[in-house]
C-alpha atoms as a PDB file:
ATOM      1  CA  UNK A   1      76.927 118.820 112.177  1.00  0.00           C
ATOM      2  CA  UNK A   2      79.366 121.191 113.669  1.00  0.00           C
ATOM      3  CA  UNK A   3      79.416 124.797 112.405  1.00  0.00           C
ATOM      4  CA  UNK A   4      82.567 124.254 110.700  1.00  0.00           C
ATOM      5  CA  UNK A   5      82.233 124.727 106.748  1.00  0.00           C
ATOM      6  CA  UNK A   6      84.722 121.642 105.276  1.00  0.00           C
ATOM      7  CA  UNK A   7      87.379 123.098 102.983  1.00  0.00           C
ATOM      8  CA  UNK A   8      86.161 121.800  99.687  1.00  0.00           C
ATOM      9  CA  UNK A   9      82.423 122.348  99.642  1.00  0.00           C
ATOM     10  CA  UNK A  10      80.247 119.082  99.171  1.00  0.00           C
ATOM     11  CA  UNK A  11      77.678 118.534  96.489  1.00  0.00           C
ATOM     12  CA  UNK A  12      74.087 119.939  97.716  1.00  0.00           C
ATOM     13  CA  UNK A  13      71.082 117.793  96.448  1.00  0.00           C
ATOM     14  CA  UNK A  14      69.634 116.769  94.582  1.00  0.00           C
ATOM     15  CA  UNK A  15      72.380 115.088  93.135  1.00  0.00           C
ATOM     16  CA  UNK A  16      73.384 113.667  89.791  1.00  0.00           C
ATOM     17  CA  UNK A  17      71.053 110.218  89.267  1.00  0.00           C
ATOM     18  CA  UNK A  18      74.050 108.269  88.884  1.00  0.00           C
ATOM     19  CA  UNK A  19      75.598 109.892  92.013  1.00  0.00           C
ATOM     20  CA  UNK A  20      72.307 109.769  93.952  1.00  0.00           C
ATOM     21  CA  UNK A  21      72.423 105.756  93.023  1.00  0.00           C
ATOM     22  CA  UNK A  22      76.050 105.413  94.650  1.00  0.00           C
ATOM     23  CA  UNK A  23      75.068 106.938  97.791  1.00  0.00           C
ATOM     24  CA  UNK A  24      72.284 105.017  97.753  1.00  0.00           C
ATOM     25  CA  UNK A  25      74.340 102.046  97.329  1.00  0.00           C
ATOM     26  CA  UNK A  26      76.797 102.944  99.876  1.00  0.00           C
ATOM     27  CA  UNK A  27      74.796 104.250 102.341  1.00  0.00           C
ATOM     28  CA  UNK A  28      71.574 101.769 102.256  1.00  0.00           C
ATOM     29  CA  UNK A  29      69.419 104.709 102.183  1.00  0.00           C
ATOM     30  CA  UNK A  30      70.647 107.120 104.829  1.00  0.00           C
ATOM     31  CA  UNK A  31      71.544 110.168 104.055  1.00  0.00           C
ATOM     32  CA  UNK A  32      75.379 110.184 102.477  1.00  0.00           C
ATOM     33  CA  UNK A  33      77.971 111.561 104.674  1.00  0.00           C
ATOM     34  CA  UNK A  34      79.790 115.033 104.344  1.00  0.00           C
ATOM     35  CA  UNK A  35      83.118 113.318 103.221  1.00  0.00           C
ATOM     36  CA  UNK A  36      81.252 111.439  99.814  1.00  0.00           C
ATOM     37  CA  UNK A  37      79.629 114.316  99.385  1.00  0.00           C
ATOM     38  CA  UNK A  38      82.783 116.441  99.138  1.00  0.00           C
ATOM     39  CA  UNK A  39      84.450 113.680  97.350  1.00  0.00           C
ATOM     40  CA  UNK A  40      81.462 113.004  94.631  1.00  0.00           C
ATOM     41  CA  UNK A  41      81.928 116.484  93.595  1.00  0.00           C
ATOM     42  CA  UNK A  42      85.372 115.500  91.501  1.00  0.00           C
ATOM     43  CA  UNK A  43      85.069 112.153  89.656  1.00  0.00           C
ATOM     44  CA  UNK A  44      88.450 111.483  89.203  1.00  0.00           C
ATOM     45  CA  UNK A  45      88.813 111.768  92.862  1.00  0.00           C
ATOM     46  CA  UNK A  46      85.804 109.913  93.709  1.00  0.00           C
ATOM     47  CA  UNK A  47      86.134 107.001  91.490  1.00  0.00           C
ATOM     48  CA  UNK A  48      89.576 106.155  93.344  1.00  0.00           C
ATOM     49  CA  UNK A  49      88.379 106.705  96.326  1.00  0.00           C
ATOM     50  CA  UNK A  50      85.566 104.103  95.954  1.00  0.00           C
ATOM     51  CA  UNK A  51      88.091 101.830  94.070  1.00  0.00           C
ATOM     52  CA  UNK A  52      89.822 101.849  97.303  1.00  0.00           C
ATOM     53  CA  UNK A  53      87.373 101.881  99.520  1.00  0.00           C
ATOM     54  CA  UNK A  54      87.183  98.278 100.706  1.00  0.00           C
ATOM     55  CA  UNK A  55      83.677  98.569 101.596  1.00  0.00           C
ATOM     56  CA  UNK A  56      82.925  95.229 100.927  1.00  0.00           C
ATOM     57  CA  UNK A  57      83.589  92.531 104.132  1.00  0.00           C
ATOM     58  CA  UNK A  58      86.714  91.005 103.008  1.00  0.00           C
ATOM     59  CA  UNK A  59      88.626  88.623 104.803  1.00  0.00           C
ATOM     60  CA  UNK A  60      88.250  89.834 108.539  1.00  0.00           C
ATOM     61  CA  UNK A  61      85.403  89.646 110.851  1.00  0.00           C
ATOM     62  CA  UNK A  62      83.617  93.137 111.692  1.00  0.00           C
ATOM     63  CA  UNK A  63      85.238  93.233 115.210  1.00  0.00           C
ATOM     64  CA  UNK A  64      88.873  92.973 113.421  1.00  0.00           C
ATOM     65  CA  UNK A  65      87.888  95.227 110.832  1.00  0.00           C
ATOM     66  CA  UNK A  66      86.661  97.856 113.152  1.00  0.00           C
ATOM     67  CA  UNK A  67      89.321  97.513 115.660  1.00  0.00           C
ATOM     68  CA  UNK A  68      91.850  98.343 113.071  1.00  0.00           C
ATOM     69  CA  UNK A  69      89.874 101.373 111.085  1.00  0.00           C
ATOM     70  CA  UNK A  70      88.803 102.862 114.780  1.00  0.00           C
ATOM     71  CA  UNK A  71      92.705 102.490 116.024  1.00  0.00           C
ATOM     72  CA  UNK A  72      94.072 103.672 112.779  1.00  0.00           C
ATOM     73  CA  UNK A  73      91.533 106.510 112.751  1.00  0.00           C
ATOM     74  CA  UNK A  74      92.293 107.323 116.598  1.00  0.00           C
ATOM     75  CA  UNK A  75      95.930 107.645 115.780  1.00  0.00           C
ATOM     76  CA  UNK A  76      95.460 109.944 113.380  1.00  0.00           C
ATOM     77  CA  UNK A  77      93.627 112.499 114.954  1.00  0.00           C
ATOM     78  CA  UNK A  78      90.513 111.606 112.771  1.00  0.00           C
ATOM     79  CA  UNK A  79      87.217 111.947 115.083  1.00  0.00           C
ATOM     80  CA  UNK A  80      85.371 112.355 111.914  1.00  0.00           C
ATOM     81  CA  UNK A  81      85.628 109.170 110.730  1.00  0.00           C
ATOM     82  CA  UNK A  82      86.273 107.538 113.934  1.00  0.00           C
ATOM     83  CA  UNK A  83      82.922 108.496 115.193  1.00  0.00           C
ATOM     84  CA  UNK A  84      81.042 107.913 112.096  1.00  0.00           C
ATOM     85  CA  UNK A  85      82.683 104.103 112.265  1.00  0.00           C
ATOM     86  CA  UNK A  86      81.357 103.682 115.915  1.00  0.00           C
ATOM     87  CA  UNK A  87      78.325 105.175 115.758  1.00  0.00           C
ATOM     88  CA  UNK A  88      77.294 102.684 112.877  1.00  0.00           C
ATOM     89  CA  UNK A  89      79.711  99.882 113.439  1.00  0.00           C
ATOM     90  CA  UNK A  90      80.740  99.135 117.328  1.00  0.00           C
ATOM     91  CA  UNK A  91      77.120  97.557 117.939  1.00  0.00           C
ATOM     92  CA  UNK A  92      77.238  95.060 115.199  1.00  0.00           C
ATOM     93  CA  UNK A  93      80.969  94.452 115.952  1.00  0.00           C
ATOM     94  CA  UNK A  94      80.066  93.932 119.396  1.00  0.00           C
ATOM     95  CA  UNK A  95      82.692  96.299 120.952  1.00  0.00           C
ATOM     96  CA  UNK A  96      82.136  97.384 124.245  1.00  0.00           C
ATOM     97  CA  UNK A  97      82.505 100.994 125.784  1.00  0.00           C
ATOM     98  CA  UNK A  98      85.928  99.812 127.662  1.00  0.00           C
ATOM     99  CA  UNK A  99      87.021  98.728 123.481  1.00  0.00           C
ATOM    100  CA  UNK A 100      85.926 101.770 121.978  1.00  0.00           C
ATOM    101  CA  UNK A 101      87.810 103.675 124.554  1.00  0.00           C
ATOM    102  CA  UNK A 102      90.733 101.370 124.410  1.00  0.00           C
ATOM    103  CA  UNK A 103      90.857 102.354 120.644  1.00  0.00           C
ATOM    104  CA  UNK A 104      91.614 105.993 121.076  1.00  0.00           C
ATOM    105  CA  UNK A 105      93.395 106.069 124.748  1.00  0.00           C
ATOM    106  CA  UNK A 106      94.460 102.762 125.045  1.00  0.00           C
ATOM    107  CA  UNK A 107      96.859 100.443 123.718  1.00  0.00           C
ATOM    108  CA  UNK A 108      97.717  96.540 122.949  1.00  0.00           C
ATOM    109  CA  UNK A 109      98.481  96.032 126.456  1.00  0.00           C
ATOM    110  CA  UNK A 110      94.489  97.281 127.528  1.00  0.00           C
ATOM    111  CA  UNK A 111      92.982  94.180 129.761  1.00  0.00           C
ATOM    112  CA  UNK A 112      89.707  94.224 127.076  1.00  0.00           C
ATOM    113  CA  UNK A 113      91.986  92.994 123.987  1.00  0.00           C
ATOM    114  CA  UNK A 114      92.295  89.528 123.442  1.00  0.00           C
ATOM    115  CA  UNK A 115      95.360  87.761 122.158  1.00  0.00           C
ATOM    116  CA  UNK A 116      94.757  87.843 118.674  1.00  0.00           C
ATOM    117  CA  UNK A 117      93.427  91.485 119.296  1.00  0.00           C
ATOM    118  CA  UNK A 118      96.610  92.570 121.071  1.00  0.00           C
ATOM    119  CA  UNK A 119      98.574  91.175 117.979  1.00  0.00           C
ATOM    120  CA  UNK A 120      96.098  93.801 115.769  1.00  0.00           C
ATOM    121  CA  UNK A 121      96.985  96.979 117.899  1.00  0.00           C
ATOM    122  CA  UNK A 122     100.374  96.020 117.967  1.00  0.00           C
ATOM    123  CA  UNK A 123     100.317  95.869 114.479  1.00  0.00           C
ATOM    124  CA  UNK A 124      98.432  99.170 113.564  1.00  0.00           C
ATOM    125  CA  UNK A 125      99.936 100.852 115.552  1.00  0.00           C
ATOM    126  CA  UNK A 126     103.954  99.917 114.205  1.00  0.00           C
ATOM    127  CA  UNK A 127     102.126 100.529 110.852  1.00  0.00           C
ATOM    128  CA  UNK A 128     101.139 104.389 112.225  1.00  0.00           C
ATOM    129  CA  UNK A 129     104.543 104.723 113.860  1.00  0.00           C
ATOM    130  CA  UNK A 130     107.370 103.310 111.509  1.00  0.00           C
ATOM    131  CA  UNK A 131     104.856 102.327 108.135  1.00  0.00           C
ATOM    132  CA  UNK A 132     106.074  98.496 108.453  1.00  0.00           C
ATOM    133  CA  UNK A 133     106.035  95.519 110.904  1.00  0.00           C
ATOM    134  CA  UNK A 134     109.128  93.972 112.875  1.00  0.00           C
ATOM    135  CA  UNK A 135     109.646  90.419 111.678  1.00  0.00           C
ATOM    136  CA  UNK A 136     108.374  90.063 115.770  1.00  0.00           C
ATOM    137  CA  UNK A 137     105.242  91.741 114.869  1.00  0.00           C
ATOM    138  CA  UNK A 138     104.912  90.044 111.607  1.00  0.00           C
ATOM    139  CA  UNK A 139     105.060  86.288 113.656  1.00  0.00           C
ATOM    140  CA  UNK A 140     102.844  87.837 116.467  1.00  0.00           C
ATOM    141  CA  UNK A 141     100.271  88.742 113.766  1.00  0.00           C
ATOM    142  CA  UNK A 142     100.662  85.644 111.559  1.00  0.00           C
ATOM    143  CA  UNK A 143      99.467  83.780 114.710  1.00  0.00           C
ATOM    144  CA  UNK A 144      96.483  84.910 114.743  1.00  0.00           C
ATOM    145  CA  UNK A 145      95.558  85.504 111.105  1.00  0.00           C
ATOM    146  CA  UNK A 146      96.228  84.241 107.656  1.00  0.00           C
ATOM    147  CA  UNK A 147      98.250  85.716 104.597  1.00  0.00           C
ATOM    148  CA  UNK A 148      94.852  87.276 103.489  1.00  0.00           C
ATOM    149  CA  UNK A 149      94.036  88.712 106.482  1.00  0.00           C
ATOM    150  CA  UNK A 150      97.506  90.414 107.027  1.00  0.00           C
ATOM    151  CA  UNK A 151      96.929  91.885 103.772  1.00  0.00           C
ATOM    152  CA  UNK A 152      93.934  93.331 104.608  1.00  0.00           C
ATOM    153  CA  UNK A 153      94.692  94.701 107.489  1.00  0.00           C
ATOM    154  CA  UNK A 154      97.519  96.634 105.654  1.00  0.00           C
ATOM    155  CA  UNK A 155      95.159  98.149 103.410  1.00  0.00           C
ATOM    156  CA  UNK A 156      92.686  98.835 105.826  1.00  0.00           C
ATOM    157  CA  UNK A 157      95.305 100.891 107.662  1.00  0.00           C
ATOM    158  CA  UNK A 158      96.744 102.393 104.470  1.00  0.00           C
ATOM    159  CA  UNK A 159      93.312 103.248 103.559  1.00  0.00           C
ATOM    160  CA  UNK A 160      91.690 104.568 106.668  1.00  0.00           C
ATOM    161  CA  UNK A 161      94.726 106.595 106.603  1.00  0.00           C
ATOM    162  CA  UNK A 162      93.626 108.339 103.558  1.00  0.00           C
ATOM    163  CA  UNK A 163      90.610 108.834 105.031  1.00  0.00           C
ATOM    164  CA  UNK A 164      92.013 110.801 107.991  1.00  0.00           C
ATOM    165  CA  UNK A 165      94.319 113.178 105.572  1.00  0.00           C
ATOM    166  CA  UNK A 166      90.893 113.778 103.789  1.00  0.00           C
ATOM    167  CA  UNK A 167      88.647 114.338 106.579  1.00  0.00           C
ATOM    168  CA  UNK A 168      91.432 116.468 108.809  1.00  0.00           C
ATOM    169  CA  UNK A 169      92.920 118.360 105.728  1.00  0.00           C
ATOM    170  CA  UNK A 170      89.622 118.768 104.412  1.00  0.00           C
ATOM    171  CA  UNK A 171      88.296 120.300 107.993  1.00  0.00           C
ATOM    172  CA  UNK A 172      84.883 117.960 107.605  1.00  0.00           C
ATOM    173  CA  UNK A 173      82.607 119.053 110.239  1.00  0.00           C
ATOM    174  CA  UNK A 174      81.730 116.163 112.617  1.00  0.00           C
ATOM    175  CA  UNK A 175      78.391 114.178 111.490  1.00  0.00           C
ATOM    176  CA  UNK A 176      75.814 114.667 113.487  1.00  0.00           C
ATOM    177  CA  UNK A 177      74.997 111.515 114.875  1.00  0.00           C
ATOM    178  CA  UNK A 178      78.651 110.364 115.018  1.00  0.00           C
ATOM    179  CA  UNK A 179      80.181 109.262 118.400  1.00  0.00           C
ATOM    180  CA  UNK A 180      83.101 111.823 119.649  1.00  0.00           C
ATOM    181  CA  UNK A 181      86.136 110.676 121.212  1.00  0.00           C
ATOM    182  CA  UNK A 182      85.672 110.122 124.641  1.00  0.00           C
ATOM    183  CA  UNK A 183      86.820 112.594 127.528  1.00  0.00           C
ATOM    184  CA  UNK A 184      90.257 111.795 129.133  1.00  0.00           C
ATOM    185  CA  UNK A 185      90.581 109.742 131.801  1.00  0.00           C
END
């Protein structure tokens, strides 16, 4: 991690047994992220965060889910969460280096995206910039995704905007093994 200290101190080990069990479940045995350690120090916030976390697979593929999350975090300038997701999920989601870069430096017209992925990027960008989808954007999304998937896309955008607020507002230090935003071209 970087040397900067977060604005709210994270829990330090040893963790209370119930918190350790929650970390183990979420992190699958890996050390808990700073974000989780900060949130877990405040039971109401931690409970609400976990309840809205969308950590289950859901109706989107891992690839679709990660495109939405990575793009949302990139638009919010949240290198912390973007980097965690790229490091942990980009390989499993089969995101290429060009696609990962495009979540930060590209847009829906980037040549790496399929038509369905272009519709995802357009939707994420619209929700970020205008907090809504135009009729044309919703229709374009509906060509590739069903209602449950569209709701999931919106929920992911909102949740990861909140995560971005937390990580950025708390000045969380970047995780040691997380990816970093790509250098400008």
